[in-house]
N, C-alpha and C. Protein backbone atom coordinates (compact mmCIF):
# COMPACT_ATOMS: atom_id res chain seq x y z
N UNK A 1 64.52 117.86 60.32
CA UNK A 1 65.02 116.70 61.01
C UNK A 1 66.38 116.35 60.73
N UNK A 2 67.24 116.03 61.99
CA UNK A 2 68.80 115.73 61.68
C UNK A 2 68.80 114.30 60.85
N UNK A 3 69.78 114.38 59.69
CA UNK A 3 70.19 113.33 59.42
C UNK A 3 70.35 112.27 60.30
N UNK A 4 70.12 110.76 60.02
CA UNK A 4 70.48 109.45 60.95
C UNK A 4 71.88 109.65 61.30
N UNK A 5 72.83 109.90 60.47
CA UNK A 5 74.21 110.02 60.65
C UNK A 5 74.70 111.05 61.61
N UNK A 6 74.04 112.24 61.65
CA UNK A 6 74.33 113.01 62.53
C UNK A 6 74.09 112.69 63.93
N UNK A 7 72.60 112.22 63.95
CA UNK A 7 72.09 111.76 65.17
C UNK A 7 72.95 110.88 65.92
N UNK A 8 73.54 109.70 65.20
CA UNK A 8 74.25 108.58 65.48
C UNK A 8 75.73 109.23 66.03
N UNK A 9 76.29 110.21 65.20
CA UNK A 9 77.44 110.68 65.73
C UNK A 9 77.24 111.63 67.06
N UNK A 10 76.02 112.28 67.41
CA UNK A 10 75.91 113.04 68.83
C UNK A 10 75.78 112.16 69.72
N UNK A 11 75.05 110.97 69.50
CA UNK A 11 74.87 109.94 70.58
C UNK A 11 76.07 109.27 70.98
N UNK A 12 76.78 108.89 70.07
CA UNK A 12 78.33 108.54 70.11
C UNK A 12 78.96 109.30 71.02
N UNK A 13 79.03 110.81 70.55
CA UNK A 13 80.07 111.68 71.56
C UNK A 13 79.54 111.91 72.72
N UNK A 14 78.07 112.03 72.88
CA UNK A 14 77.73 111.84 74.26
C UNK A 14 78.18 110.72 75.35
N UNK A 15 78.18 109.53 74.82
CA UNK A 15 78.70 108.51 75.48
C UNK A 15 79.89 108.58 75.91
N UNK A 16 80.91 108.82 74.89
CA UNK A 16 82.16 108.82 75.10
C UNK A 16 82.69 110.01 75.94
N UNK A 17 81.78 111.16 75.91
CA UNK A 17 82.09 111.91 76.94
C UNK A 17 81.56 111.83 78.34
N UNK A 18 80.45 110.87 78.49
CA UNK A 18 80.47 110.51 79.89
C UNK A 18 81.34 109.33 80.53
N UNK A 19 81.97 108.83 79.74
CA UNK A 19 82.58 107.98 80.42
C UNK A 19 84.29 108.41 80.65
N UNK A 20 84.83 108.05 81.93
CA UNK A 20 86.25 108.48 82.20
C UNK A 20 87.15 107.95 81.16
N UNK A 21 88.26 108.88 81.16
CA UNK A 21 89.32 108.31 80.43
C UNK A 21 90.08 107.21 81.11
N UNK A 22 90.83 106.40 80.51
CA UNK A 22 91.26 105.22 81.15
C UNK A 22 92.33 105.59 82.17
N UNK A 23 93.29 106.70 81.91
CA UNK A 23 93.98 107.36 82.96
C UNK A 23 93.59 107.73 83.93
N UNK A 24 92.26 108.05 83.99
CA UNK A 24 91.71 108.96 84.95
C UNK A 24 91.30 107.75 85.94
N UNK A 25 90.60 106.66 85.08
CA UNK A 25 90.31 105.35 86.07
C UNK A 25 91.26 104.86 86.86
N UNK A 26 92.62 104.96 86.25
CA UNK A 26 93.83 104.32 87.21
C UNK A 26 94.15 105.08 88.19
N UNK A 27 93.85 106.72 88.07
CA UNK A 27 94.36 107.45 88.77
C UNK A 27 93.26 107.50 89.96
N UNK A 28 92.15 107.15 90.09
CA UNK A 28 91.08 106.89 91.00
C UNK A 28 91.63 105.52 91.65
N UNK A 29 92.00 104.68 90.90
CA UNK A 29 92.13 103.20 91.70
C UNK A 29 93.20 103.60 92.47
N UNK A 30 94.30 104.30 92.04
CA UNK A 30 95.51 104.52 92.83
C UNK A 30 95.03 105.34 94.38
N UNK A 31 94.30 106.11 93.94
CA UNK A 31 93.79 106.94 95.53
C UNK A 31 92.86 106.13 96.12
N UNK A 32 92.35 105.00 95.76
CA UNK A 32 91.23 104.19 96.71
C UNK A 32 92.42 103.24 97.17
N UNK A 33 93.43 102.59 96.54
CA UNK A 33 94.56 101.76 97.02
C UNK A 33 95.25 102.51 98.17
N UNK A 34 95.49 103.91 98.05
CA UNK A 34 96.34 104.48 98.88
C UNK A 34 95.39 104.76 100.36
N UNK A 35 94.21 104.73 100.17
CA UNK A 35 93.59 104.83 101.64
C UNK A 35 93.41 103.45 102.19
N UNK A 36 93.45 102.37 101.11
CA UNK A 36 93.63 101.13 101.84
C UNK A 36 94.65 100.79 102.48
N UNK A 37 95.94 101.15 102.11
CA UNK A 37 97.05 101.03 102.66
C UNK A 37 97.29 101.79 103.92
N UNK A 38 96.49 102.59 104.57
CA UNK A 38 96.31 103.27 105.67
C UNK A 38 95.99 102.58 106.61
N UNK A 39 95.22 101.38 106.39
CA UNK A 39 94.33 100.72 107.35
C UNK A 39 94.96 99.20 107.64
N UNK A 40 95.06 99.10 109.07
CA UNK A 40 95.65 97.78 109.22
C UNK A 40 94.53 96.71 109.34
N UNK A 41 94.99 95.47 108.79
CA UNK A 41 94.14 94.34 108.92
C UNK A 41 94.88 93.15 108.83
N UNK A 42 94.04 91.85 109.30
CA UNK A 42 94.87 90.62 109.40
C UNK A 42 93.73 89.58 108.49
N UNK A 43 94.20 88.45 108.38
CA UNK A 43 93.42 87.21 107.81
C UNK A 43 94.33 86.01 108.01
N UNK A 44 93.49 84.82 107.70
CA UNK A 44 93.86 83.72 107.43
C UNK A 44 93.96 83.30 106.00
N UNK A 45 95.02 82.58 105.34
CA UNK A 45 95.12 82.22 103.91
C UNK A 45 95.41 80.76 104.08
N UNK A 46 95.23 79.93 102.92
CA UNK A 46 95.21 78.91 102.70
C UNK A 46 96.06 78.44 101.33
N UNK A 47 97.10 78.19 101.01
CA UNK A 47 97.75 77.89 99.79
C UNK A 47 97.79 76.52 99.36
N UNK A 48 97.09 76.26 98.47
CA UNK A 48 97.12 74.59 98.23
C UNK A 48 97.64 74.50 96.73
N UNK A 49 98.63 73.81 96.67
CA UNK A 49 99.58 73.85 95.08
C UNK A 49 99.50 72.34 94.71
N UNK A 50 99.42 71.95 93.35
CA UNK A 50 99.51 70.72 92.76
C UNK A 50 100.32 70.66 91.60
N UNK A 51 101.13 69.96 91.50
CA UNK A 51 101.86 69.79 90.28
C UNK A 51 101.42 68.52 89.42
N UNK A 52 101.42 68.37 88.27
CA UNK A 52 100.85 67.48 87.55
C UNK A 52 101.73 66.58 86.90
N UNK A 53 102.88 66.96 86.67
CA UNK A 53 103.96 66.11 86.04
C UNK A 53 104.21 65.04 87.24
N UNK A 54 104.60 65.45 88.23
CA UNK A 54 105.15 64.67 89.51
C UNK A 54 104.02 64.11 90.29
N UNK A 55 102.69 64.70 90.21
CA UNK A 55 101.54 64.23 90.88
C UNK A 55 102.01 64.44 92.61
N UNK A 56 102.35 65.55 92.68
CA UNK A 56 102.58 66.02 94.32
C UNK A 56 101.65 67.43 94.54
N UNK A 57 101.38 67.52 95.74
CA UNK A 57 100.57 68.16 96.26
C UNK A 57 101.43 69.07 97.75
N UNK A 58 100.81 70.20 97.99
CA UNK A 58 101.38 70.83 99.29
C UNK A 58 100.27 71.81 99.58
N UNK A 59 100.07 72.16 101.16
CA UNK A 59 99.30 72.74 101.37
C UNK A 59 99.92 73.80 102.73
N UNK A 60 99.94 74.97 102.71
CA UNK A 60 100.14 75.59 103.79
C UNK A 60 99.24 77.01 104.32
N UNK A 61 98.79 76.67 105.43
CA UNK A 61 97.94 77.85 106.18
C UNK A 61 98.64 78.90 106.80
N UNK A 62 98.70 80.13 106.59
CA UNK A 62 99.11 81.07 107.48
C UNK A 62 98.16 82.21 108.06
N UNK A 63 98.78 82.80 108.92
CA UNK A 63 98.14 84.22 109.52
C UNK A 63 98.63 85.20 108.80
N UNK A 64 98.25 86.29 108.33
CA UNK A 64 98.84 87.23 107.64
C UNK A 64 98.40 88.75 108.41
N UNK A 65 99.31 89.47 108.79
CA UNK A 65 98.90 90.83 109.21
C UNK A 65 99.64 92.00 108.63
N UNK A 66 98.82 93.03 108.03
CA UNK A 66 99.37 94.22 107.48
C UNK A 66 99.43 95.42 108.52
N UNK A 67 100.48 96.10 108.46
CA UNK A 67 100.61 97.17 109.21
C UNK A 67 100.90 98.44 108.29
N UNK A 68 100.40 99.38 108.14
CA UNK A 68 100.70 100.74 107.22
C UNK A 68 102.47 101.04 107.83
N UNK A 69 102.88 101.16 106.90
CA UNK A 69 104.23 101.60 107.10
C UNK A 69 105.47 100.57 107.22
N UNK A 70 104.81 99.39 107.54
CA UNK A 70 105.89 97.92 107.56
C UNK A 70 105.59 97.06 106.74
N UNK A 71 104.23 96.93 106.23
CA UNK A 71 104.13 95.88 105.31
C UNK A 71 103.16 94.55 105.66
N UNK A 72 103.38 93.35 105.13
CA UNK A 72 102.92 92.21 105.54
C UNK A 72 103.74 91.40 106.38
N UNK A 73 103.11 90.81 107.25
CA UNK A 73 103.98 89.49 108.01
C UNK A 73 103.30 88.53 108.07
N UNK A 74 103.83 87.04 108.18
CA UNK A 74 102.97 86.08 107.65
C UNK A 74 103.99 85.39 109.27
N UNK A 75 102.72 84.24 109.56
CA UNK A 75 103.10 82.99 110.61
C UNK A 75 102.37 81.81 110.03
N UNK A 76 103.34 81.00 110.04
CA UNK A 76 102.93 79.75 109.49
C UNK A 76 102.19 79.12 110.55
N UNK A 77 100.72 78.51 110.15
CA UNK A 77 100.10 77.94 111.33
C UNK A 77 100.02 76.40 110.74
N UNK A 78 100.15 76.00 109.75
CA UNK A 78 100.04 74.39 109.17
C UNK A 78 100.97 74.29 108.05
N UNK A 79 101.47 73.39 107.68
CA UNK A 79 102.29 72.96 106.51
C UNK A 79 102.16 71.41 106.09
N UNK A 80 102.12 70.91 104.93
CA UNK A 80 102.02 69.51 104.44
C UNK A 80 102.23 69.55 103.36
N UNK A 81 103.00 68.04 102.91
CA UNK A 81 103.09 67.68 101.49
C UNK A 81 104.38 68.03 100.96
N UNK A 82 104.70 67.92 99.46
CA UNK A 82 105.82 67.93 98.98
C UNK A 82 106.84 68.96 99.65
N UNK A 83 108.09 68.72 99.71
CA UNK A 83 109.02 69.51 100.15
C UNK A 83 109.23 70.60 99.24
N UNK A 84 109.47 70.45 97.88
CA UNK A 84 109.74 71.18 96.62
C UNK A 84 108.43 72.03 96.58
N UNK A 85 107.19 71.77 96.50
CA UNK A 85 106.10 72.35 96.33
C UNK A 85 105.92 73.34 97.62
N UNK A 86 106.12 73.01 98.70
CA UNK A 86 106.36 73.91 99.96
C UNK A 86 107.43 74.90 100.05
N UNK A 87 108.48 74.73 99.25
CA UNK A 87 109.49 75.61 99.50
C UNK A 87 108.89 76.89 98.14
N UNK A 88 108.32 76.39 96.91
CA UNK A 88 107.84 77.19 95.93
C UNK A 88 106.84 78.45 96.70
N UNK A 89 106.03 77.43 97.60
CA UNK A 89 104.90 78.37 98.34
C UNK A 89 105.59 79.56 99.14
N UNK A 90 106.64 79.07 99.89
CA UNK A 90 107.26 80.06 100.65
C UNK A 90 107.83 81.21 99.95
N UNK A 91 108.55 80.69 98.54
CA UNK A 91 108.94 81.89 97.83
C UNK A 91 108.01 82.52 97.53
N UNK A 92 106.51 82.48 97.26
CA UNK A 92 105.45 83.01 96.65
C UNK A 92 105.21 84.05 98.12
N UNK A 93 105.33 83.49 99.08
CA UNK A 93 104.93 84.22 100.21
C UNK A 93 106.11 85.43 100.53
N UNK A 94 107.30 84.95 100.39
CA UNK A 94 108.34 86.08 100.44
C UNK A 94 108.39 87.12 99.43
N UNK A 95 107.79 86.86 98.32
CA UNK A 95 107.61 87.91 97.33
C UNK A 95 106.50 88.82 97.51
N UNK A 96 105.58 88.15 98.19
CA UNK A 96 104.49 89.11 98.59
C UNK A 96 104.89 90.08 99.67
N UNK A 97 105.52 89.58 100.71
CA UNK A 97 106.49 90.30 101.69
C UNK A 97 106.98 91.63 101.10
N UNK A 98 107.99 91.04 100.34
CA UNK A 98 108.88 91.96 99.53
C UNK A 98 108.00 93.34 98.62
N UNK A 99 106.58 92.71 98.34
CA UNK A 99 106.03 93.56 97.61
C UNK A 99 105.37 94.77 98.30
N UNK A 100 104.94 94.36 99.56
CA UNK A 100 104.39 94.92 100.67
C UNK A 100 104.79 95.97 101.36
N UNK A 101 106.25 95.88 101.19
CA UNK A 101 107.19 97.13 101.98
C UNK A 101 106.77 98.45 101.55
N UNK A 102 106.81 99.38 102.25
CA UNK A 102 106.68 100.71 102.04
C UNK A 102 107.37 101.35 100.45
N UNK A 103 108.39 100.83 100.50
CA UNK A 103 109.11 101.23 99.17
C UNK A 103 108.83 100.66 97.95
N UNK A 104 108.14 99.77 98.25
CA UNK A 104 107.69 98.77 96.95
C UNK A 104 106.45 98.86 96.49
N UNK A 105 105.42 99.28 97.30
CA UNK A 105 103.94 99.23 97.22
C UNK A 105 103.33 100.20 96.31
N UNK A 106 104.26 101.43 95.67
CA UNK A 106 103.96 102.32 94.71
C UNK A 106 104.42 101.62 93.20
N UNK A 107 105.43 100.63 93.61
CA UNK A 107 105.81 100.02 92.06
C UNK A 107 104.96 98.99 91.64
N UNK A 108 104.08 98.39 92.77
CA UNK A 108 103.17 97.27 92.04
C UNK A 108 101.80 97.52 91.84
N UNK A 109 101.49 98.88 92.00
CA UNK A 109 99.80 99.16 92.01
C UNK A 109 99.58 99.21 90.91
N UNK A 110 98.06 99.30 90.39
CA UNK A 110 97.63 99.49 89.23
C UNK A 110 97.41 100.91 89.12
N UNK A 111 98.33 101.68 88.62
CA UNK A 111 98.42 103.11 88.54
C UNK A 111 98.85 103.75 87.38
N UNK A 112 98.72 105.04 87.13
CA UNK A 112 99.18 105.36 85.63
C UNK A 112 100.58 105.48 85.32
N UNK A 113 101.29 105.17 86.62
CA UNK A 113 102.67 105.26 86.37
C UNK A 113 103.33 103.79 86.22
N UNK A 114 102.53 102.90 86.44
CA UNK A 114 102.89 101.61 86.13
C UNK A 114 102.31 101.01 84.79
N UNK A 115 101.31 101.51 84.63
CA UNK A 115 100.28 100.96 83.50
C UNK A 115 100.10 101.66 82.20
N UNK A 116 99.70 101.18 81.10
CA UNK A 116 98.94 101.86 80.24
C UNK A 116 97.67 101.14 80.06
N UNK A 117 96.64 101.80 79.97
CA UNK A 117 95.26 100.98 79.68
C UNK A 117 94.38 101.21 78.63
N UNK A 118 93.36 100.08 78.41
CA UNK A 118 92.53 100.77 77.35
C UNK A 118 91.22 100.29 77.78
N UNK A 119 90.23 101.25 77.27
CA UNK A 119 88.92 100.80 78.19
C UNK A 119 88.26 99.85 77.11
N UNK A 120 87.73 98.80 77.45
CA UNK A 120 87.03 97.80 76.53
C UNK A 120 85.67 97.79 76.66
N UNK A 121 85.14 98.20 77.80
CA UNK A 121 83.89 98.29 77.95
C UNK A 121 83.15 98.03 79.23
N UNK A 122 82.35 97.47 79.79
CA UNK A 122 81.75 97.53 81.00
C UNK A 122 81.04 96.16 81.07
N UNK A 123 81.06 95.64 82.59
CA UNK A 123 80.63 94.44 82.65
C UNK A 123 80.12 94.35 84.22
N UNK A 124 79.28 93.17 84.40
CA UNK A 124 78.86 92.96 85.73
C UNK A 124 79.65 92.00 86.26
N UNK A 125 80.50 91.95 87.43
CA UNK A 125 81.34 91.09 88.20
C UNK A 125 80.97 91.11 89.54
N UNK A 126 80.88 90.08 90.25
CA UNK A 126 80.86 90.12 91.42
C UNK A 126 79.78 90.71 92.09
N UNK A 127 78.49 91.06 91.20
CA UNK A 127 77.42 91.55 91.42
C UNK A 127 77.91 93.48 91.69
N UNK A 128 78.86 93.83 90.85
CA UNK A 128 79.16 95.14 90.94
C UNK A 128 79.22 95.68 89.26
N UNK A 129 79.00 96.78 89.21
CA UNK A 129 79.01 97.27 87.50
C UNK A 129 80.40 97.70 87.77
N UNK A 130 81.26 97.43 86.38
CA UNK A 130 82.84 97.62 86.44
C UNK A 130 83.04 98.08 85.29
N UNK A 131 84.09 99.01 85.31
CA UNK A 131 84.89 99.38 83.78
C UNK A 131 85.91 98.14 83.57
N UNK A 132 85.76 97.73 82.38
CA UNK A 132 86.65 96.59 81.87
C UNK A 132 87.79 97.20 81.25
N UNK A 133 89.18 96.94 81.73
CA UNK A 133 90.44 97.75 81.31
C UNK A 133 91.30 96.62 80.81
N UNK A 134 91.85 96.80 79.68
CA UNK A 134 93.09 96.14 79.29
C UNK A 134 94.32 96.99 79.73
N UNK A 135 95.01 96.12 80.51
CA UNK A 135 96.12 96.75 81.46
C UNK A 135 97.56 96.24 80.80
N UNK A 136 98.24 97.07 80.64
CA UNK A 136 99.43 96.69 79.94
C UNK A 136 100.71 97.27 80.83
N UNK A 137 101.60 96.53 81.60
CA UNK A 137 102.88 97.30 82.35
C UNK A 137 103.60 98.12 81.68
N UNK A 138 104.19 99.25 82.08
CA UNK A 138 105.25 100.14 81.34
C UNK A 138 106.36 99.49 81.52
N UNK A 139 106.76 98.40 82.51
CA UNK A 139 108.09 97.80 82.53
C UNK A 139 107.84 96.23 83.21
N UNK A 140 108.99 95.68 82.84
CA UNK A 140 109.20 94.16 83.31
C UNK A 140 109.00 93.88 84.69
N UNK A 141 108.07 93.17 85.34
CA UNK A 141 108.27 93.50 86.66
C UNK A 141 107.18 92.13 87.29
N UNK A 142 108.13 91.09 88.11
CA UNK A 142 107.22 90.18 88.73
C UNK A 142 105.91 90.71 89.42
N UNK A 143 105.72 91.86 89.90
CA UNK A 143 104.69 92.43 90.73
C UNK A 143 103.51 92.88 89.69
N UNK A 144 103.84 92.99 88.41
CA UNK A 144 102.69 93.58 87.51
C UNK A 144 102.18 92.58 86.64
N UNK A 145 100.84 92.67 86.40
CA UNK A 145 100.09 91.85 85.70
C UNK A 145 99.67 92.28 84.32
N UNK A 146 99.78 91.55 83.14
CA UNK A 146 99.44 91.96 81.88
C UNK A 146 98.16 91.30 81.58
N UNK A 147 97.26 92.03 81.45
CA UNK A 147 95.89 91.38 81.32
C UNK A 147 94.79 92.30 81.46
N UNK A 148 93.73 91.91 82.13
CA UNK A 148 92.26 92.69 82.47
C UNK A 148 92.23 92.84 83.59
N UNK A 149 91.43 94.14 83.99
CA UNK A 149 91.23 94.56 85.38
C UNK A 149 89.95 94.97 85.27
N UNK A 150 88.92 94.57 86.23
CA UNK A 150 87.59 94.78 86.42
C UNK A 150 87.38 95.90 87.42
N UNK A 151 87.12 97.21 87.30
CA UNK A 151 87.15 98.20 88.27
C UNK A 151 85.67 98.86 88.42
N UNK A 152 85.22 98.73 89.86
CA UNK A 152 84.13 99.03 90.34
C UNK A 152 83.93 100.50 89.84
N UNK A 153 82.25 100.78 89.42
CA UNK A 153 82.27 101.84 88.51
C UNK A 153 82.00 103.20 89.78
N UNK A 154 81.66 102.72 90.97
CA UNK A 154 81.29 103.73 92.06
C UNK A 154 82.42 103.82 92.79
N UNK A 155 83.18 102.82 93.25
CA UNK A 155 84.12 102.89 94.18
C UNK A 155 85.67 102.99 93.48
N UNK A 156 85.77 102.73 92.44
CA UNK A 156 87.26 102.56 91.82
C UNK A 156 88.00 101.64 92.69
N UNK A 157 87.33 100.62 93.26
CA UNK A 157 88.22 99.38 93.70
C UNK A 157 88.37 98.29 92.86
N UNK A 158 89.19 97.50 92.53
CA UNK A 158 89.59 96.33 91.68
C UNK A 158 88.65 95.18 92.22
N UNK A 159 87.93 94.82 91.29
CA UNK A 159 87.06 93.59 91.88
C UNK A 159 87.78 92.36 91.39
N UNK A 160 88.36 92.50 89.96
CA UNK A 160 88.84 91.37 89.55
C UNK A 160 90.06 91.47 88.79
N UNK A 161 91.04 91.08 88.66
CA UNK A 161 92.52 90.80 88.00
C UNK A 161 92.54 89.52 87.31
N UNK A 162 92.96 89.63 86.13
CA UNK A 162 93.08 88.15 85.07
C UNK A 162 94.28 88.56 84.12
N UNK A 163 95.44 87.82 84.25
CA UNK A 163 96.52 88.42 83.47
C UNK A 163 97.64 87.10 83.95
N UNK A 164 98.58 87.58 82.95
CA UNK A 164 100.07 87.00 83.47
C UNK A 164 101.13 87.91 83.91
N UNK A 165 101.99 87.58 84.68
CA UNK A 165 103.02 88.38 85.32
C UNK A 165 103.75 88.83 83.99
N UNK A 166 104.37 90.14 84.29
CA UNK A 166 104.88 90.69 83.01
C UNK A 166 106.45 90.30 83.04
N UNK A 167 106.77 89.55 84.26
CA UNK A 167 108.39 88.83 84.56
C UNK A 167 107.97 87.96 84.94
N UNK A 168 109.16 86.84 85.08
CA UNK A 168 109.22 85.45 85.58
C UNK A 168 109.30 85.90 87.37
N UNK A 169 108.18 84.98 88.00
CA UNK A 169 108.59 84.98 89.29
C UNK A 169 109.62 84.40 89.84
N UNK A 170 109.89 83.10 89.31
CA UNK A 170 111.31 82.18 89.57
C UNK A 170 111.30 81.12 88.52
N UNK A 171 112.49 80.48 88.46
CA UNK A 171 112.63 79.33 87.58
C UNK A 171 111.72 78.10 87.80
N UNK A 172 111.17 78.08 89.04
CA UNK A 172 110.37 76.86 89.16
C UNK A 172 108.72 77.27 89.12
N UNK A 173 108.36 78.70 88.72
CA UNK A 173 107.17 79.22 88.62
C UNK A 173 107.01 79.81 87.47
N UNK A 174 107.99 80.39 86.85
CA UNK A 174 107.92 81.15 85.53
C UNK A 174 106.88 82.46 85.64
N UNK A 175 106.16 82.68 84.46
CA UNK A 175 105.30 83.64 84.56
C UNK A 175 103.88 82.94 84.29
N UNK A 176 103.04 83.05 85.63
CA UNK A 176 101.78 82.21 85.81
C UNK A 176 100.70 83.12 85.63
N UNK A 177 99.72 82.53 84.93
CA UNK A 177 98.40 83.02 84.70
C UNK A 177 97.55 83.25 85.85
N UNK A 178 97.20 84.36 86.48
CA UNK A 178 96.44 84.66 87.69
C UNK A 178 95.03 85.29 87.60
N UNK A 179 94.13 84.73 88.08
CA UNK A 179 92.78 85.62 88.27
C UNK A 179 92.68 85.62 89.82
N UNK A 180 92.53 86.71 90.23
CA UNK A 180 92.25 87.45 91.43
C UNK A 180 90.92 87.88 91.80
N UNK A 181 89.92 87.32 92.54
CA UNK A 181 88.74 88.09 93.03
C UNK A 181 88.64 88.59 94.11
N UNK A 182 88.50 89.97 94.40
CA UNK A 182 88.39 90.65 95.43
C UNK A 182 86.94 90.83 96.06
N UNK A 183 86.76 91.15 97.24
CA UNK A 183 85.44 91.34 98.04
C UNK A 183 85.69 92.49 98.94
N UNK A 184 84.63 93.00 99.33
CA UNK A 184 84.40 94.16 100.03
C UNK A 184 84.36 93.39 101.79
N UNK A 185 85.16 93.87 102.66
CA UNK A 185 85.20 93.32 103.97
C UNK A 185 85.23 94.78 104.86
N UNK A 186 84.02 95.00 105.70
CA UNK A 186 84.24 96.02 106.59
C UNK A 186 84.55 97.34 105.73
N UNK A 187 84.02 97.39 104.60
CA UNK A 187 84.52 98.67 103.95
C UNK A 187 85.73 98.81 103.02
N UNK A 188 86.49 97.84 103.22
CA UNK A 188 87.84 97.65 102.49
C UNK A 188 87.59 96.34 101.48
N UNK A 189 88.29 96.79 100.37
CA UNK A 189 88.19 95.47 99.21
C UNK A 189 89.72 95.19 99.38
N UNK A 190 89.57 93.63 99.41
CA UNK A 190 91.02 92.74 99.91
C UNK A 190 90.66 91.55 99.13
N UNK A 191 91.66 90.89 98.75
CA UNK A 191 91.67 89.77 97.97
C UNK A 191 90.85 88.53 98.67
N UNK A 192 89.76 87.98 97.71
CA UNK A 192 89.03 86.86 98.50
C UNK A 192 89.34 85.44 97.73
N UNK A 193 89.88 85.37 96.71
CA UNK A 193 90.26 84.08 96.14
C UNK A 193 91.15 84.26 94.92
N UNK A 194 92.44 83.64 95.03
CA UNK A 194 93.26 83.56 93.68
C UNK A 194 93.76 82.24 93.18
N UNK A 195 93.54 82.14 91.85
CA UNK A 195 93.97 81.07 91.33
C UNK A 195 94.85 81.23 90.18
N UNK A 196 96.05 80.33 90.19
CA UNK A 196 97.05 80.31 89.21
C UNK A 196 97.63 79.15 88.41
N UNK A 197 97.81 79.32 87.35
CA UNK A 197 98.23 78.03 86.67
C UNK A 197 99.67 78.56 85.87
N UNK A 198 100.73 77.69 85.91
CA UNK A 198 101.96 78.05 85.56
C UNK A 198 102.48 76.70 84.77
N UNK A 199 103.46 76.95 84.03
CA UNK A 199 104.08 75.91 83.16
C UNK A 199 105.59 76.12 83.01
N UNK A 200 106.55 75.17 83.72
CA UNK A 200 107.79 75.47 83.06
C UNK A 200 108.50 74.10 82.87
N UNK A 201 109.85 74.42 81.92
CA UNK A 201 110.75 73.17 81.62
C UNK A 201 110.60 72.13 82.96
N UNK A 202 111.16 73.08 83.97
CA UNK A 202 111.66 72.05 85.09
C UNK A 202 110.61 71.44 86.03
N UNK A 203 109.29 72.01 85.92
CA UNK A 203 108.27 71.49 87.09
C UNK A 203 107.41 71.03 86.13
N UNK A 204 106.92 71.27 84.60
CA UNK A 204 105.59 70.89 83.99
C UNK A 204 104.54 71.94 84.57
N UNK A 205 103.52 71.35 84.71
CA UNK A 205 102.26 72.14 84.92
C UNK A 205 101.99 72.13 86.49
N UNK A 206 101.51 73.40 86.98
CA UNK A 206 101.20 73.23 88.14
C UNK A 206 99.92 74.29 88.34
N UNK A 207 99.29 74.25 89.54
CA UNK A 207 98.28 75.11 90.04
C UNK A 207 98.17 75.26 91.40
N UNK A 208 97.92 76.56 91.59
CA UNK A 208 97.74 77.32 92.97
C UNK A 208 96.58 77.58 93.39
N UNK A 209 95.91 77.38 94.24
CA UNK A 209 94.56 78.00 94.67
C UNK A 209 94.83 78.74 95.97
N UNK A 210 94.57 79.97 96.28
CA UNK A 210 94.74 80.75 97.53
C UNK A 210 93.21 81.24 98.13
N UNK A 211 92.93 80.73 99.11
CA UNK A 211 91.75 81.20 99.85
C UNK A 211 91.87 81.92 101.01
N UNK A 212 91.23 83.28 100.94
CA UNK A 212 91.43 84.09 102.26
C UNK A 212 90.18 84.10 103.12
N UNK A 213 90.29 83.99 104.11
CA UNK A 213 89.28 84.19 105.08
C UNK A 213 89.49 84.66 106.59
N UNK A 214 88.70 84.72 107.39
CA UNK A 214 88.91 85.42 108.66
C UNK A 214 89.46 86.95 108.79
N UNK A 215 89.06 87.63 107.94
CA UNK A 215 89.76 88.91 107.87
C UNK A 215 89.11 89.70 108.98
N UNK A 216 90.13 90.61 109.82
CA UNK A 216 89.88 91.59 110.72
C UNK A 216 90.33 92.89 110.32
N UNK A 217 89.65 93.84 110.25
CA UNK A 217 89.94 95.34 110.01
C UNK A 217 90.03 95.96 111.30
N UNK A 218 91.40 96.78 111.56
CA UNK A 218 91.73 97.43 112.56
C UNK A 218 91.71 98.90 112.03
N UNK A 219 90.99 99.54 112.49
CA UNK A 219 90.74 101.29 112.26
C UNK A 219 91.37 102.11 113.34
């Protein structure tokens, strides 16, 4: 009969051997994202922002379209509320447009080139069995998140991101804490809800909630 410690060591080795290395997970995430970037899609977004120091609110509804090789385009459908908060929401939209351009997409993705990662374990999120990765950007960038990623174990799509941007978005927003949940729409994983909280000396504490609806996938 094998000693207990030997049996435990064999079980541990078998468990570790059955799990992919973190860089392998990130590589598969990058492959999945690359396929998504070849698909055209559109949808409606509502940005709702509130500033607690000045008790101000703003809301912007847009139609977003994504075209491979071009990036994202936004058309404002409705806007109301504080002019200052409306300007901040516009800055956020402009940042996303910049990040979606062909030359920028690879620099913002969850890839081995952009991130170092550590496997923290597994978890069920959004009804999906996920690898839970602690991710750390390899460089300072307003497009990269320092925090945690939940990666679907079967499809290697990102189900949730939770963390702070590794560089300031602007003097008005700073480095916000972001929680983004994603869902599957016609076989494509896209953002479903994003909530962020920021605090700066200029504006105090603010919250942003983005709701994504009405996705249409063009294949």
